[in-house]
Amino acid sequence: MIVPIHNPFKGKLRVFGFAPSSGKTLWKVLELEQELAKTCEGLPFEVIGVFSDNPDSQAIKIAKQYNFPHVSLDIRGYYR
């Protein structure tokens, strides 16, 4: 039996995503948001936060620009 992780009748899927330093993944999600918002089904998810492994990453800069909550952990510094 397949059990869905999200029930659209309970609202949008809330996404807290990992974004690598380049921010490319976050940009793709934002582009997808715009495309889906134009459809009759609407947008099934919302970005509620961003995590990056580099505090100086482009992803964190984008998160700040769009006022997304963001967290970063310098993973290389952590493992030193």
Protein backbone atom coordinates (compact mmCIF):
# COMPACT_ATOMS: atom_id res chain seq x y z
CA MET A 1 0.00 0.00 0.00
CA ILE A 2 1.39 3.38 -1.02
CA VAL A 3 0.76 6.12 1.50
CA PRO A 4 1.28 9.67 0.21
CA ILE A 5 3.44 11.95 2.33
CA HIS A 6 1.23 14.91 1.50
CA ASN A 7 -2.51 15.41 1.41
CA PRO A 8 -3.37 18.42 -0.81
CA PHE A 9 -6.73 18.80 0.95
CA LYS A 10 -4.84 19.78 4.11
CA GLY A 11 -3.01 22.61 2.38
CA LYS A 12 0.24 23.14 0.55
CA LEU A 13 3.30 20.96 1.06
CA ARG A 14 5.72 22.99 3.16
CA VAL A 15 9.30 22.66 1.91
CA PHE A 16 12.47 23.40 3.86
CA GLY A 17 15.15 22.66 1.31
CA PHE A 18 18.85 22.05 1.18
CA ALA A 19 20.52 24.37 -1.32
CA PRO A 20 24.12 23.87 -2.38
CA SER A 21 26.48 26.86 -2.50
CA SER A 22 25.65 27.85 -6.08
CA GLY A 23 21.99 28.46 -5.29
CA LYS A 24 21.03 26.74 -8.56
CA THR A 25 18.61 24.35 -6.83
CA LEU A 26 16.84 27.22 -5.09
CA TRP A 27 16.55 29.17 -8.36
CA LYS A 28 14.99 26.11 -10.04
CA VAL A 29 12.43 25.78 -7.25
CA LEU A 30 11.54 29.47 -7.53
CA GLU A 31 11.13 29.11 -11.32
CA LEU A 32 8.92 26.05 -10.80
CA GLU A 33 6.81 28.02 -8.30
CA GLN A 34 6.15 30.68 -10.92
CA GLU A 35 5.23 28.12 -13.59
CA LEU A 36 2.89 26.14 -11.33
CA ALA A 37 1.21 29.28 -10.01
CA LYS A 38 0.00 29.97 -13.57
CA THR A 39 -1.74 26.60 -13.90
CA CYS A 40 -5.35 25.89 -12.99
CA GLU A 41 -4.19 23.48 -10.25
CA GLY A 42 -2.12 26.21 -8.64
CA LEU A 43 0.95 25.84 -6.50
CA PRO A 44 0.98 22.63 -4.40
CA PHE A 45 3.94 23.66 -2.22
CA GLU A 46 5.54 26.62 -0.51
CA VAL A 47 9.16 27.20 0.40
CA ILE A 48 9.38 27.91 4.12
CA GLY A 49 13.13 27.82 4.60
CA VAL A 50 16.57 27.17 3.16
CA PHE A 51 19.56 25.28 4.55
CA SER A 52 23.05 25.61 3.09
CA ASP A 53 26.39 24.13 4.05
CA ASN A 54 28.19 27.42 3.41
CA PRO A 55 27.23 30.65 5.19
CA ASP A 56 28.66 32.70 2.28
CA SER A 57 26.83 30.76 -0.42
CA GLN A 58 24.76 32.22 -3.22
CA ALA A 59 21.81 30.20 -1.87
CA ILE A 60 21.89 32.11 1.42
CA LYS A 61 22.10 35.43 -0.45
CA ILE A 62 19.01 34.44 -2.48
CA ALA A 63 17.18 33.34 0.69
CA LYS A 64 17.89 36.73 2.26
CA GLN A 65 16.73 38.52 -0.91
CA TYR A 66 13.40 36.65 -0.82
CA ASN A 67 13.07 36.84 2.98
CA PHE A 68 13.11 33.06 3.41
CA PRO A 69 14.14 31.81 6.82
CA HIS A 70 17.63 30.38 6.39
CA VAL A 71 20.18 28.38 8.31
CA SER A 72 23.73 27.65 7.35
CA LEU A 73 26.41 25.50 8.87
CA ASP A 74 29.98 25.75 7.67
CA ILE A 75 30.36 22.01 7.23
CA ARG A 76 34.09 22.21 6.50
CA GLY A 77 34.68 24.26 9.65
CA TYR A 78 32.55 21.83 11.65
CA TYR A 79 34.68 18.87 10.61
CA ARG A 80 37.96 20.69 11.34
